[in-house]
N, C-alpha and C. Protein backbone atom coordinates (compact mmCIF):
# COMPACT_ATOMS: atom_id res chain seq x y z
N MET A 1 -49.36 -188.40 120.81
CA MET A 1 -50.19 -189.55 121.09
C MET A 1 -50.90 -189.31 122.41
N LEU A 2 -52.17 -189.58 122.43
CA LEU A 2 -52.95 -189.46 123.66
C LEU A 2 -53.32 -190.85 124.15
N THR A 3 -53.24 -191.02 125.45
CA THR A 3 -53.61 -192.31 126.05
C THR A 3 -54.20 -192.05 127.43
N THR A 4 -55.14 -192.88 127.83
CA THR A 4 -55.78 -192.69 129.13
C THR A 4 -55.12 -193.52 130.22
N GLY A 5 -54.39 -194.55 129.85
CA GLY A 5 -53.76 -195.41 130.85
C GLY A 5 -54.69 -196.45 131.43
N CYS A 6 -55.84 -196.66 130.80
CA CYS A 6 -56.82 -197.62 131.34
C CYS A 6 -56.29 -199.05 131.41
N HIS A 7 -55.54 -199.47 130.40
CA HIS A 7 -55.00 -200.84 130.43
C HIS A 7 -54.02 -201.00 131.59
N PHE A 8 -53.17 -199.99 131.80
CA PHE A 8 -52.22 -200.06 132.91
C PHE A 8 -52.96 -200.12 134.24
N LYS A 9 -53.95 -199.28 134.41
CA LYS A 9 -54.69 -199.25 135.67
C LYS A 9 -55.36 -200.60 135.95
N ALA A 10 -55.92 -201.21 134.91
CA ALA A 10 -56.60 -202.50 135.09
C ALA A 10 -55.60 -203.59 135.49
N VAL A 11 -54.48 -203.66 134.79
CA VAL A 11 -53.47 -204.67 135.11
C VAL A 11 -52.85 -204.40 136.47
N LYS A 12 -52.67 -203.13 136.81
CA LYS A 12 -52.11 -202.78 138.12
C LYS A 12 -53.01 -203.29 139.24
N GLN A 13 -54.31 -203.15 139.08
CA GLN A 13 -55.24 -203.63 140.10
C GLN A 13 -55.13 -205.15 140.27
N VAL A 14 -55.03 -205.87 139.17
CA VAL A 14 -54.89 -207.33 139.24
C VAL A 14 -53.59 -207.71 139.94
N LEU A 15 -52.49 -207.04 139.56
CA LEU A 15 -51.20 -207.34 140.18
C LEU A 15 -51.17 -206.97 141.66
N GLU A 16 -51.81 -205.87 142.03
CA GLU A 16 -51.84 -205.47 143.44
C GLU A 16 -52.59 -206.47 144.30
N ARG A 17 -53.64 -207.07 143.73
CA ARG A 17 -54.36 -208.11 144.48
C ARG A 17 -53.51 -209.37 144.65
N ARG A 18 -52.75 -209.69 143.62
CA ARG A 18 -51.91 -210.91 143.66
C ARG A 18 -50.65 -210.70 144.49
N PHE A 19 -50.07 -209.51 144.41
CA PHE A 19 -48.82 -209.19 145.12
C PHE A 19 -49.03 -207.91 145.93
N PRO A 20 -49.73 -207.99 147.06
CA PRO A 20 -50.10 -206.79 147.82
C PRO A 20 -48.92 -205.98 148.34
N GLU A 21 -47.78 -206.60 148.57
CA GLU A 21 -46.64 -205.86 149.11
C GLU A 21 -45.73 -205.29 148.02
N ALA A 22 -46.02 -205.59 146.77
CA ALA A 22 -45.17 -205.12 145.66
C ALA A 22 -45.52 -203.69 145.26
N ARG A 23 -44.50 -202.97 144.84
CA ARG A 23 -44.71 -201.62 144.30
C ARG A 23 -44.83 -201.76 142.78
N ILE A 24 -45.91 -201.29 142.23
CA ILE A 24 -46.17 -201.43 140.79
C ILE A 24 -46.03 -200.05 140.15
N VAL A 25 -45.15 -199.96 139.16
CA VAL A 25 -44.97 -198.71 138.42
C VAL A 25 -45.09 -199.02 136.93
N GLY A 26 -45.34 -198.01 136.14
CA GLY A 26 -45.48 -198.22 134.70
C GLY A 26 -44.71 -197.19 133.91
N LEU A 27 -44.37 -197.57 132.71
CA LEU A 27 -43.65 -196.69 131.79
C LEU A 27 -44.28 -196.85 130.42
N PHE A 28 -44.70 -195.75 129.83
CA PHE A 28 -45.32 -195.80 128.51
C PHE A 28 -44.29 -195.44 127.46
N LEU A 29 -44.11 -196.31 126.49
CA LEU A 29 -43.19 -196.06 125.39
C LEU A 29 -43.98 -195.98 124.09
N ALA A 30 -43.63 -195.04 123.26
CA ALA A 30 -44.30 -194.90 121.97
C ALA A 30 -43.27 -194.84 120.87
N ARG A 31 -43.63 -195.39 119.74
CA ARG A 31 -42.77 -195.31 118.57
C ARG A 31 -43.52 -194.55 117.49
N ARG A 32 -42.78 -193.97 116.60
CA ARG A 32 -43.43 -193.30 115.49
C ARG A 32 -42.81 -193.80 114.19
N ALA A 33 -43.59 -193.76 113.15
CA ALA A 33 -43.10 -194.15 111.83
C ALA A 33 -42.99 -192.87 111.02
N PRO A 34 -41.76 -192.36 110.84
CA PRO A 34 -41.61 -191.10 110.10
C PRO A 34 -42.08 -191.26 108.66
N LYS A 35 -42.57 -190.17 108.12
CA LYS A 35 -43.04 -190.15 106.74
C LYS A 35 -41.86 -190.45 105.81
N SER A 36 -42.07 -191.35 104.88
CA SER A 36 -40.99 -191.69 103.96
C SER A 36 -40.76 -190.54 102.98
N VAL A 37 -39.52 -190.40 102.56
CA VAL A 37 -39.14 -189.34 101.63
C VAL A 37 -38.74 -190.00 100.32
N ASP A 38 -39.32 -189.52 99.23
CA ASP A 38 -39.00 -190.06 97.91
C ASP A 38 -37.90 -189.20 97.30
N LEU A 39 -36.68 -189.74 97.28
CA LEU A 39 -35.54 -189.00 96.74
C LEU A 39 -35.32 -189.38 95.27
N ASP A 40 -35.07 -188.37 94.44
CA ASP A 40 -34.79 -188.60 93.03
C ASP A 40 -33.28 -188.48 92.83
N PHE A 41 -32.58 -189.61 92.86
CA PHE A 41 -31.13 -189.60 92.74
C PHE A 41 -30.66 -189.37 91.30
N ASP A 42 -31.55 -189.53 90.33
CA ASP A 42 -31.17 -189.31 88.94
C ASP A 42 -30.90 -187.84 88.65
N SER A 43 -31.48 -186.94 89.42
CA SER A 43 -31.29 -185.51 89.18
C SER A 43 -30.02 -184.97 89.82
N ILE A 44 -29.30 -185.79 90.55
CA ILE A 44 -28.07 -185.34 91.23
C ILE A 44 -26.89 -185.44 90.31
C-alpha cells in the first residue's frame, strides 16, 4: 500500500496550532483482505 501522509500532515498542522506545546505523532495501520479460497470438501 502506498500513502503520502497528506491527511496526517493536515490534521497535525491543525492540532499544532490548537495545542502548540503538544508532541504530535502518527501511526499508520493497514489491513488486508486475503483472497478467499474455494475448498471442495466433497473430494476429500
